[in-house]
Amino acid sequence: YGASGSESPAAQLALEMLREYCPDAQIAGGNIIGSFGTEDSSLPLL
């Protein structure tokens, strides 16, 4: 469950799933955000 503004149960599950690929994933500003792959600053950010 995770209706708008109260997304925590769904967000915690999605965060757990995402951390398998993005170990730095965290909840910030209500969003789940993680970095994947290279950190080469010469590449465009997608």
All heavy atoms as atom14 arrays in JSON, in Angstrom:
{
  "sequence": "YGASGSESPAAQLALEMLREYCPDAQIAGGNIIGSFGTEDSSLPLL",
  "atom14_mask": [
    [1, 1, 1, 1, 1, 1, 1, 1, 1, 1, 1, 1, 0, 0],
    [1, 1, 1, 1, 0, 0, 0, 0, 0, 0, 0, 0, 0, 0],
    [1, 1, 1, 1, 1, 0, 0, 0, 0, 0, 0, 0, 0, 0],
    [1, 1, 1, 1, 1, 1, 0, 0, 0, 0, 0, 0, 0, 0],
    [1, 1, 1, 1, 0, 0, 0, 0, 0, 0, 0, 0, 0, 0],
    [1, 1, 1, 1, 1, 1, 0, 0, 0, 0, 0, 0, 0, 0],
    [1, 1, 1, 1, 1, 1, 1, 1, 1, 0, 0, 0, 0, 0],
    [1, 1, 1, 1, 1, 1, 0, 0, 0, 0, 0, 0, 0, 0],
    [1, 1, 1, 1, 1, 1, 1, 0, 0, 0, 0, 0, 0, 0],
    [1, 1, 1, 1, 1, 0, 0, 0, 0, 0, 0, 0, 0, 0],
    [1, 1, 1, 1, 1, 0, 0, 0, 0, 0, 0, 0, 0, 0],
    [1, 1, 1, 1, 1, 1, 1, 1, 1, 0, 0, 0, 0, 0],
    [1, 1, 1, 1, 1, 1, 1, 1, 0, 0, 0, 0, 0, 0],
    [1, 1, 1, 1, 1, 0, 0, 0, 0, 0, 0, 0, 0, 0],
    [1, 1, 1, 1, 1, 1, 1, 1, 0, 0, 0, 0, 0, 0],
    [1, 1, 1, 1, 1, 1, 1, 1, 1, 0, 0, 0, 0, 0],
    [1, 1, 1, 1, 1, 1, 1, 1, 0, 0, 0, 0, 0, 0],
    [1, 1, 1, 1, 1, 1, 1, 1, 0, 0, 0, 0, 0, 0],
    [1, 1, 1, 1, 1, 1, 1, 1, 1, 1, 1, 0, 0, 0],
    [1, 1, 1, 1, 1, 1, 1, 1, 1, 0, 0, 0, 0, 0],
    [1, 1, 1, 1, 1, 1, 1, 1, 1, 1, 1, 1, 0, 0],
    [1, 1, 1, 1, 1, 1, 0, 0, 0, 0, 0, 0, 0, 0],
    [1, 1, 1, 1, 1, 1, 1, 0, 0, 0, 0, 0, 0, 0],
    [1, 1, 1, 1, 1, 1, 1, 1, 0, 0, 0, 0, 0, 0],
    [1, 1, 1, 1, 1, 0, 0, 0, 0, 0, 0, 0, 0, 0],
    [1, 1, 1, 1, 1, 1, 1, 1, 1, 0, 0, 0, 0, 0],
    [1, 1, 1, 1, 1, 1, 1, 1, 0, 0, 0, 0, 0, 0],
    [1, 1, 1, 1, 1, 0, 0, 0, 0, 0, 0, 0, 0, 0],
    [1, 1, 1, 1, 0, 0, 0, 0, 0, 0, 0, 0, 0, 0],
    [1, 1, 1, 1, 0, 0, 0, 0, 0, 0, 0, 0, 0, 0],
    [1, 1, 1, 1, 1, 1, 1, 1, 0, 0, 0, 0, 0, 0],
    [1, 1, 1, 1, 1, 1, 1, 1, 0, 0, 0, 0, 0, 0],
    [1, 1, 1, 1, 1, 1, 1, 1, 0, 0, 0, 0, 0, 0],
    [1, 1, 1, 1, 0, 0, 0, 0, 0, 0, 0, 0, 0, 0],
    [1, 1, 1, 1, 1, 1, 0, 0, 0, 0, 0, 0, 0, 0],
    [1, 1, 1, 1, 1, 1, 1, 1, 1, 1, 1, 0, 0, 0],
    [1, 1, 1, 1, 0, 0, 0, 0, 0, 0, 0, 0, 0, 0],
    [1, 1, 1, 1, 1, 1, 1, 0, 0, 0, 0, 0, 0, 0],
    [1, 1, 1, 1, 1, 1, 1, 1, 1, 0, 0, 0, 0, 0],
    [1, 1, 1, 1, 1, 1, 1, 1, 0, 0, 0, 0, 0, 0],
    [1, 1, 1, 1, 1, 1, 0, 0, 0, 0, 0, 0, 0, 0],
    [1, 1, 1, 1, 1, 1, 0, 0, 0, 0, 0, 0, 0, 0],
    [1, 1, 1, 1, 1, 1, 1, 1, 0, 0, 0, 0, 0, 0],
    [1, 1, 1, 1, 1, 1, 1, 0, 0, 0, 0, 0, 0, 0],
    [1, 1, 1, 1, 1, 1, 1, 1, 0, 0, 0, 0, 0, 0],
    [1, 1, 1, 1, 1, 1, 1, 1, 0, 0, 0, 0, 0, 0]
  ],
  "atom14_positions": [
    [[0.82, -1.21, 0.0], [0.0, 0.0, 0.0], [0.85, 1.26, 0.0], [1.91, 1.31, 0.62], [-0.94, 0.0, 1.21], [-1.84, -1.21, 1.24], [-1.79, -2.12, 2.29], [-2.73, -1.45, 0.2], [-2.6, -3.24, 2.31], [-3.55, -2.56, 0.21], [-3.48, -3.46, 1.26], [-4.28, -4.57, 1.27], [0.0, 0.0, 0.0], [0.0, 0.0, 0.0]],
    [[0.38, 2.3, -0.69], [1.11, 3.55, -0.72], [0.38, 4.62, -1.49], [0.77, 5.0, -2.59], [0.0, 0.0, 0.0], [0.0, 0.0, 0.0], [0.0, 0.0, 0.0], [0.0, 0.0, 0.0], [0.0, 0.0, 0.0], [0.0, 0.0, 0.0], [0.0, 0.0, 0.0], [0.0, 0.0, 0.0], [0.0, 0.0, 0.0], [0.0, 0.0, 0.0]],
    [[-0.73, 5.11, -0.92], [-1.46, 6.2, -1.56], [-0.61, 7.47, -1.54], [0.31, 7.62, -0.73], [-2.79, 6.45, -0.85], [0.0, 0.0, 0.0], [0.0, 0.0, 0.0], [0.0, 0.0, 0.0], [0.0, 0.0, 0.0], [0.0, 0.0, 0.0], [0.0, 0.0, 0.0], [0.0, 0.0, 0.0], [0.0, 0.0, 0.0], [0.0, 0.0, 0.0]],
    [[-0.89, 8.37, -2.46], [-0.11, 9.6, -2.59], [0.03, 10.31, -1.26], [-0.96, 10.57, -0.57], [-0.77, 10.54, -3.6], [-0.69, 10.03, -4.9], [0.0, 0.0, 0.0], [0.0, 0.0, 0.0], [0.0, 0.0, 0.0], [0.0, 0.0, 0.0], [0.0, 0.0, 0.0], [0.0, 0.0, 0.0], [0.0, 0.0, 0.0], [0.0, 0.0, 0.0]],
    [[1.27, 10.63, -0.91], [1.56, 11.32, 0.33], [1.81, 10.4, 1.5], [2.31, 10.83, 2.54], [0.0, 0.0, 0.0], [0.0, 0.0, 0.0], [0.0, 0.0, 0.0], [0.0, 0.0, 0.0], [0.0, 0.0, 0.0], [0.0, 0.0, 0.0], [0.0, 0.0, 0.0], [0.0, 0.0, 0.0], [0.0, 0.0, 0.0], [0.0, 0.0, 0.0]],
    [[1.47, 9.12, 1.34], [1.69, 8.11, 2.39], [2.25, 6.84, 1.76], [1.71, 5.75, 1.92], [0.39, 7.81, 3.14], [-0.11, 8.97, 3.79], [0.0, 0.0, 0.0], [0.0, 0.0, 0.0], [0.0, 0.0, 0.0], [0.0, 0.0, 0.0], [0.0, 0.0, 0.0], [0.0, 0.0, 0.0], [0.0, 0.0, 0.0], [0.0, 0.0, 0.0]],
    [[3.33, 7.0, 1.03], [3.85, 5.91, 0.21], [4.75, 4.94, 0.95], [5.25, 3.97, 0.36], [4.65, 6.49, -0.97], [3.86, 7.32, -1.94], [3.91, 8.82, -1.66], [4.36, 9.17, -0.54], [3.52, 9.61, -2.52], [0.0, 0.0, 0.0], [0.0, 0.0, 0.0], [0.0, 0.0, 0.0], [0.0, 0.0, 0.0], [0.0, 0.0, 0.0]],
    [[4.97, 5.13, 2.25], [6.03, 4.43, 2.97], [6.04, 2.91, 2.81], [7.1, 2.33, 2.52], [5.98, 4.79, 4.45], [7.04, 4.17, 5.15], [0.0, 0.0, 0.0], [0.0, 0.0, 0.0], [0.0, 0.0, 0.0], [0.0, 0.0, 0.0], [0.0, 0.0, 0.0], [0.0, 0.0, 0.0], [0.0, 0.0, 0.0], [0.0, 0.0, 0.0]],
    [[4.92, 2.17, 2.97], [5.01, 0.71, 2.84], [5.52, 0.27, 1.47], [6.41, -0.59, 1.37], [3.58, 0.24, 3.09], [2.97, 1.33, 3.92], [3.57, 2.59, 3.4], [0.0, 0.0, 0.0], [0.0, 0.0, 0.0], [0.0, 0.0, 0.0], [0.0, 0.0, 0.0], [0.0, 0.0, 0.0], [0.0, 0.0, 0.0], [0.0, 0.0, 0.0]],
    [[4.96, 0.85, 0.41], [5.41, 0.51, -0.95], [6.83, 1.02, -1.18], [7.64, 0.34, -1.84], [4.46, 1.1, -1.98], [0.0, 0.0, 0.0], [0.0, 0.0, 0.0], [0.0, 0.0, 0.0], [0.0, 0.0, 0.0], [0.0, 0.0, 0.0], [0.0, 0.0, 0.0], [0.0, 0.0, 0.0], [0.0, 0.0, 0.0], [0.0, 0.0, 0.0]],
    [[7.14, 2.19, -0.66], [8.47, 2.76, -0.86], [9.55, 1.92, -0.19], [10.64, 1.73, -0.75], [8.52, 4.19, -0.33], [0.0, 0.0, 0.0], [0.0, 0.0, 0.0], [0.0, 0.0, 0.0], [0.0, 0.0, 0.0], [0.0, 0.0, 0.0], [0.0, 0.0, 0.0], [0.0, 0.0, 0.0], [0.0, 0.0, 0.0], [0.0, 0.0, 0.0]],
    [[9.28, 1.41, 0.99], [10.27, 0.59, 1.68], [10.55, -0.69, 0.91], [11.7, -1.14, 0.81], [9.8, 0.27, 3.11], [9.82, 1.46, 4.05], [11.22, 2.03, 4.27], [12.21, 1.3, 4.23], [11.31, 3.33, 4.49], [0.0, 0.0, 0.0], [0.0, 0.0, 0.0], [0.0, 0.0, 0.0], [0.0, 0.0, 0.0], [0.0, 0.0, 0.0]],
    [[9.5, -1.29, 0.33], [9.69, -2.5, -0.47], [10.49, -2.18, -1.73], [11.44, -2.9, -2.07], [8.33, -3.09, -0.84], [8.37, -4.29, -1.8], [9.17, -5.45, -1.21], [6.96, -4.72, -2.16], [0.0, 0.0, 0.0], [0.0, 0.0, 0.0], [0.0, 0.0, 0.0], [0.0, 0.0, 0.0], [0.0, 0.0, 0.0], [0.0, 0.0, 0.0]],
    [[10.12, -1.11, -2.42], [10.84, -0.74, -3.65], [12.29, -0.37, -3.34], [13.19, -0.68, -4.13], [10.12, 0.42, -4.33], [0.0, 0.0, 0.0], [0.0, 0.0, 0.0], [0.0, 0.0, 0.0], [0.0, 0.0, 0.0], [0.0, 0.0, 0.0], [0.0, 0.0, 0.0], [0.0, 0.0, 0.0], [0.0, 0.0, 0.0], [0.0, 0.0, 0.0]],
    [[12.53, 0.28, -2.22], [13.9, 0.63, -1.81], [14.73, -0.63, -1.61], [15.88, -0.72, -2.07], [13.87, 1.46, -0.53], [15.22, 1.84, 0.07], [16.02, 2.71, -0.88], [15.02, 2.54, 1.42], [0.0, 0.0, 0.0], [0.0, 0.0, 0.0], [0.0, 0.0, 0.0], [0.0, 0.0, 0.0], [0.0, 0.0, 0.0], [0.0, 0.0, 0.0]],
    [[14.15, -1.62, -0.95], [14.85, -2.89, -0.74], [15.19, -3.55, -2.06], [16.3, -4.07, -2.25], [13.96, -3.81, 0.1], [14.49, -5.21, 0.32], [13.46, -6.09, 1.01], [12.73, -5.57, 1.89], [13.38, -7.28, 0.68], [0.0, 0.0, 0.0], [0.0, 0.0, 0.0], [0.0, 0.0, 0.0], [0.0, 0.0, 0.0], [0.0, 0.0, 0.0]],
    [[14.26, -3.52, -3.01], [14.51, -4.12, -4.32], [15.57, -3.35, -5.09], [16.44, -3.93, -5.75], [13.21, -4.15, -5.13], [12.16, -5.09, -4.59], [10.63, -5.0, -5.59], [9.7, -6.38, -4.91], [0.0, 0.0, 0.0], [0.0, 0.0, 0.0], [0.0, 0.0, 0.0], [0.0, 0.0, 0.0], [0.0, 0.0, 0.0], [0.0, 0.0, 0.0]],
    [[15.53, -2.02, -5.02], [16.46, -1.2, -5.77], [17.89, -1.34, -5.25], [18.86, -1.26, -6.03], [16.02, 0.27, -5.75], [16.89, 1.24, -6.55], [16.92, 0.86, -8.04], [16.4, 2.67, -6.37], [0.0, 0.0, 0.0], [0.0, 0.0, 0.0], [0.0, 0.0, 0.0], [0.0, 0.0, 0.0], [0.0, 0.0, 0.0], [0.0, 0.0, 0.0]],
    [[18.06, -1.53, -3.95], [19.4, -1.59, -3.38], [20.21, -2.78, -3.88], [21.43, -2.8, -3.75], [19.31, -1.6, -1.85], [19.12, -0.21, -1.27], [19.08, -0.19, 0.23], [19.1, 1.2, 0.72], [18.71, 1.54, 1.95], [18.3, 0.62, 2.81], [18.75, 2.81, 2.31], [0.0, 0.0, 0.0], [0.0, 0.0, 0.0], [0.0, 0.0, 0.0]],
    [[19.54, -3.76, -4.47], [20.28, -4.86, -5.09], [21.12, -4.35, -6.26], [22.17, -4.92, -6.57], [19.31, -5.94, -5.57], [19.99, -7.13, -6.22], [19.03, -8.22, -6.63], [17.87, -8.22, -6.16], [19.44, -9.09, -7.43], [0.0, 0.0, 0.0], [0.0, 0.0, 0.0], [0.0, 0.0, 0.0], [0.0, 0.0, 0.0], [0.0, 0.0, 0.0]],
    [[20.66, -3.28, -6.89], [21.35, -2.73, -8.07], [22.0, -1.38, -7.77], [22.97, -1.01, -8.43], [20.35, -2.56, -9.22], [19.58, -3.82, -9.52], [18.28, -3.98, -9.06], [20.17, -4.85, -10.23], [17.57, -5.14, -9.31], [19.47, -6.02, -10.49], [18.17, -6.16, -10.02], [17.47, -7.32, -10.27], [0.0, 0.0, 0.0], [0.0, 0.0, 0.0]],
    [[21.45, -0.66, -6.83], [21.96, 0.67, -6.46], [22.19, 0.67, -4.95], [21.29, 1.06, -4.18], [20.96, 1.76, -6.84], [20.47, 1.77, -8.57], [0.0, 0.0, 0.0], [0.0, 0.0, 0.0], [0.0, 0.0, 0.0], [0.0, 0.0, 0.0], [0.0, 0.0, 0.0], [0.0, 0.0, 0.0], [0.0, 0.0, 0.0], [0.0, 0.0, 0.0]],
    [[23.35, 0.23, -4.49], [23.59, 0.11, -3.04], [23.43, 1.42, -2.28], [23.16, 1.4, -1.07], [25.04, -0.4, -2.97], [25.26, -1.09, -4.27], [24.48, -0.3, -5.28], [0.0, 0.0, 0.0], [0.0, 0.0, 0.0], [0.0, 0.0, 0.0], [0.0, 0.0, 0.0], [0.0, 0.0, 0.0], [0.0, 0.0, 0.0], [0.0, 0.0, 0.0]],
    [[23.59, 2.55, -2.97], [23.48, 3.84, -2.29], [22.05, 4.36, -2.23], [21.8, 5.47, -1.76], [24.37, 4.88, -2.97], [23.85, 5.31, -4.34], [23.05, 4.56, -4.94], [24.24, 6.4, -4.81], [0.0, 0.0, 0.0], [0.0, 0.0, 0.0], [0.0, 0.0, 0.0], [0.0, 0.0, 0.0], [0.0, 0.0, 0.0], [0.0, 0.0, 0.0]],
    [[21.08, 3.58, -2.71], [19.7, 4.07, -2.79], [19.18, 4.47, -1.41], [19.45, 3.82, -0.4], [18.8, 2.99, -3.4], [0.0, 0.0, 0.0], [0.0, 0.0, 0.0], [0.0, 0.0, 0.0], [0.0, 0.0, 0.0], [0.0, 0.0, 0.0], [0.0, 0.0, 0.0], [0.0, 0.0, 0.0], [0.0, 0.0, 0.0], [0.0, 0.0, 0.0]],
    [[18.45, 5.57, -1.41], [17.87, 6.09, -0.17], [16.59, 6.84, -0.49], [16.3, 7.14, -1.66], [18.85, 7.02, 0.52], [19.23, 8.24, -0.32], [20.21, 9.15, 0.37], [20.08, 9.41, 1.56], [21.19, 9.66, -0.37], [0.0, 0.0, 0.0], [0.0, 0.0, 0.0], [0.0, 0.0, 0.0], [0.0, 0.0, 0.0], [0.0, 0.0, 0.0]],
    [[15.84, 7.14, 0.55], [14.64, 7.97, 0.38], [15.03, 9.4, 0.71], [15.54, 9.69, 1.8], [13.5, 7.49, 1.29], [13.06, 6.08, 0.86], [12.31, 8.45, 1.2], [11.98, 5.47, 1.73], [0.0, 0.0, 0.0], [0.0, 0.0, 0.0], [0.0, 0.0, 0.0], [0.0, 0.0, 0.0], [0.0, 0.0, 0.0], [0.0, 0.0, 0.0]],
    [[14.85, 10.3, -0.25], [15.21, 11.7, -0.09], [14.11, 12.57, -0.69], [13.74, 12.38, -1.85], [16.54, 11.99, -0.76], [0.0, 0.0, 0.0], [0.0, 0.0, 0.0], [0.0, 0.0, 0.0], [0.0, 0.0, 0.0], [0.0, 0.0, 0.0], [0.0, 0.0, 0.0], [0.0, 0.0, 0.0], [0.0, 0.0, 0.0], [0.0, 0.0, 0.0]],
    [[13.6, 13.49, 0.07], [12.54, 14.36, -0.42], [11.28, 13.6, -0.81], [10.53, 14.04, -1.67], [0.0, 0.0, 0.0], [0.0, 0.0, 0.0], [0.0, 0.0, 0.0], [0.0, 0.0, 0.0], [0.0, 0.0, 0.0], [0.0, 0.0, 0.0], [0.0, 0.0, 0.0], [0.0, 0.0, 0.0], [0.0, 0.0, 0.0], [0.0, 0.0, 0.0]],
    [[11.05, 12.45, -0.19], [9.9, 11.63, -0.5], [10.13, 10.65, -1.63], [9.34, 9.72, -1.82], [0.0, 0.0, 0.0], [0.0, 0.0, 0.0], [0.0, 0.0, 0.0], [0.0, 0.0, 0.0], [0.0, 0.0, 0.0], [0.0, 0.0, 0.0], [0.0, 0.0, 0.0], [0.0, 0.0, 0.0], [0.0, 0.0, 0.0], [0.0, 0.0, 0.0]],
    [[11.21, 10.85, -2.4], [11.53, 9.97, -3.53], [12.57, 8.93, -3.13], [13.41, 9.17, -2.26], [12.1, 10.78, -4.7], [11.13, 11.81, -5.22], [9.95, 11.55, -5.36], [11.64, 13.01, -5.52], [0.0, 0.0, 0.0], [0.0, 0.0, 0.0], [0.0, 0.0, 0.0], [0.0, 0.0, 0.0], [0.0, 0.0, 0.0], [0.0, 0.0, 0.0]],
    [[12.55, 7.8, -3.83], [13.62, 6.83, -3.73], [14.62, 7.14, -4.84], [14.23, 7.2, -6.01], [13.09, 5.4, -3.89], [12.02, 5.11, -2.85], [14.21, 4.38, -3.82], [11.2, 3.88, -3.15], [0.0, 0.0, 0.0], [0.0, 0.0, 0.0], [0.0, 0.0, 0.0], [0.0, 0.0, 0.0], [0.0, 0.0, 0.0], [0.0, 0.0, 0.0]],
    [[15.88, 7.35, -4.49], [16.89, 7.75, -5.47], [18.11, 6.86, -5.31], [18.6, 6.64, -4.2], [17.3, 9.22, -5.29], [16.08, 10.14, -5.43], [18.37, 9.61, -6.3], [16.38, 11.61, -5.17], [0.0, 0.0, 0.0], [0.0, 0.0, 0.0], [0.0, 0.0, 0.0], [0.0, 0.0, 0.0], [0.0, 0.0, 0.0], [0.0, 0.0, 0.0]],
    [[18.61, 6.33, -6.43], [19.82, 5.51, -6.39], [20.67, 5.74, -7.62], [20.17, 6.15, -8.68], [0.0, 0.0, 0.0], [0.0, 0.0, 0.0], [0.0, 0.0, 0.0], [0.0, 0.0, 0.0], [0.0, 0.0, 0.0], [0.0, 0.0, 0.0], [0.0, 0.0, 0.0], [0.0, 0.0, 0.0], [0.0, 0.0, 0.0], [0.0, 0.0, 0.0]],
    [[21.98, 5.49, -7.49], [22.92, 5.62, -8.6], [23.26, 4.24, -9.12], [23.52, 3.31, -8.34], [24.21, 6.31, -8.14], [23.93, 7.57, -7.56], [0.0, 0.0, 0.0], [0.0, 0.0, 0.0], [0.0, 0.0, 0.0], [0.0, 0.0, 0.0], [0.0, 0.0, 0.0], [0.0, 0.0, 0.0], [0.0, 0.0, 0.0], [0.0, 0.0, 0.0]],
    [[23.28, 4.1, -10.44], [23.56, 2.81, -11.06], [24.73, 2.92, -12.02], [24.79, 3.84, -12.85], [22.33, 2.31, -11.81], [22.53, 0.99, -12.51], [22.45, -0.2, -11.8], [22.81, 0.94, -13.86], [22.65, -1.42, -12.44], [23.01, -0.27, -14.51], [22.93, -1.46, -13.79], [0.0, 0.0, 0.0], [0.0, 0.0, 0.0], [0.0, 0.0, 0.0]],
    [[25.65, 1.97, -11.92], [26.73, 1.89, -12.9], [27.81, 2.93, -12.7], [28.11, 3.36, -11.59], [0.0, 0.0, 0.0], [0.0, 0.0, 0.0], [0.0, 0.0, 0.0], [0.0, 0.0, 0.0], [0.0, 0.0, 0.0], [0.0, 0.0, 0.0], [0.0, 0.0, 0.0], [0.0, 0.0, 0.0], [0.0, 0.0, 0.0], [0.0, 0.0, 0.0]],
    [[28.36, 3.37, -13.81], [29.54, 4.24, -13.8], [29.27, 5.61, -13.2], [28.15, 6.13, -13.29], [30.08, 4.41, -15.23], [31.25, 5.26, -15.2], [29.05, 5.05, -16.14], [0.0, 0.0, 0.0], [0.0, 0.0, 0.0], [0.0, 0.0, 0.0], [0.0, 0.0, 0.0], [0.0, 0.0, 0.0], [0.0, 0.0, 0.0], [0.0, 0.0, 0.0]],
    [[30.31, 6.2, -12.62], [30.25, 7.58, -12.13], [31.12, 8.49, -13.0], [31.5, 9.58, -12.58], [30.71, 7.65, -10.67], [29.77, 6.97, -9.68], [28.44, 7.69, -9.54], [28.4, 8.91, -9.8], [27.45, 7.04, -9.17], [0.0, 0.0, 0.0], [0.0, 0.0, 0.0], [0.0, 0.0, 0.0], [0.0, 0.0, 0.0], [0.0, 0.0, 0.0]],
    [[31.41, 8.07, -14.22], [32.24, 8.83, -15.14], [31.56, 10.16, -15.48], [30.56, 10.19, -16.2], [32.48, 8.01, -16.41], [33.42, 8.69, -17.39], [33.76, 9.88, -17.19], [33.81, 8.04, -18.39], [0.0, 0.0, 0.0], [0.0, 0.0, 0.0], [0.0, 0.0, 0.0], [0.0, 0.0, 0.0], [0.0, 0.0, 0.0], [0.0, 0.0, 0.0]],
    [[32.1, 11.26, -15.0], [31.46, 12.56, -15.16], [31.5, 13.06, -16.6], [30.84, 14.05, -16.94], [32.11, 13.6, -14.24], [33.49, 13.72, -14.53], [0.0, 0.0, 0.0], [0.0, 0.0, 0.0], [0.0, 0.0, 0.0], [0.0, 0.0, 0.0], [0.0, 0.0, 0.0], [0.0, 0.0, 0.0], [0.0, 0.0, 0.0], [0.0, 0.0, 0.0]],
    [[32.27, 12.4, -17.46], [32.3, 12.81, -18.87], [31.08, 12.31, -19.63], [30.81, 12.77, -20.75], [33.58, 12.28, -19.54], [33.56, 10.87, -19.65], [0.0, 0.0, 0.0], [0.0, 0.0, 0.0], [0.0, 0.0, 0.0], [0.0, 0.0, 0.0], [0.0, 0.0, 0.0], [0.0, 0.0, 0.0], [0.0, 0.0, 0.0], [0.0, 0.0, 0.0]],
    [[30.33, 11.38, -19.04], [29.14, 10.84, -19.7], [27.92, 11.65, -19.33], [27.83, 12.2, -18.21], [28.93, 9.38, -19.29], [30.0, 8.38, -19.73], [29.68, 7.0, -19.15], [30.09, 8.32, -21.25], [0.0, 0.0, 0.0], [0.0, 0.0, 0.0], [0.0, 0.0, 0.0], [0.0, 0.0, 0.0], [0.0, 0.0, 0.0], [0.0, 0.0, 0.0]],
    [[26.95, 11.76, -20.23], [25.71, 12.45, -19.89], [24.96, 11.71, -18.79], [25.09, 10.49, -18.63], [24.92, 12.45, -21.2], [25.49, 11.33, -22.0], [26.93, 11.23, -21.61], [0.0, 0.0, 0.0], [0.0, 0.0, 0.0], [0.0, 0.0, 0.0], [0.0, 0.0, 0.0], [0.0, 0.0, 0.0], [0.0, 0.0, 0.0], [0.0, 0.0, 0.0]],
    [[24.18, 12.47, -18.03], [23.44, 11.91, -16.89], [22.01, 11.6, -17.32], [21.27, 12.48, -17.76], [23.44, 12.91, -15.73], [22.64, 12.52, -14.48], [23.15, 11.21, -13.89], [22.71, 13.64, -13.44], [0.0, 0.0, 0.0], [0.0, 0.0, 0.0], [0.0, 0.0, 0.0], [0.0, 0.0, 0.0], [0.0, 0.0, 0.0], [0.0, 0.0, 0.0]],
    [[21.63, 10.35, -17.2], [20.29, 9.91, -17.56], [19.52, 9.52, -16.3], [20.05, 8.79, -15.45], [20.34, 8.72, -18.52], [18.99, 8.15, -18.99], [19.06, 7.73, -20.46], [18.56, 6.96, -18.13], [0.0, 0.0, 0.0], [0.0, 0.0, 0.0], [0.0, 0.0, 0.0], [0.0, 0.0, 0.0], [0.0, 0.0, 0.0], [0.0, 0.0, 0.0]]
  ]
}
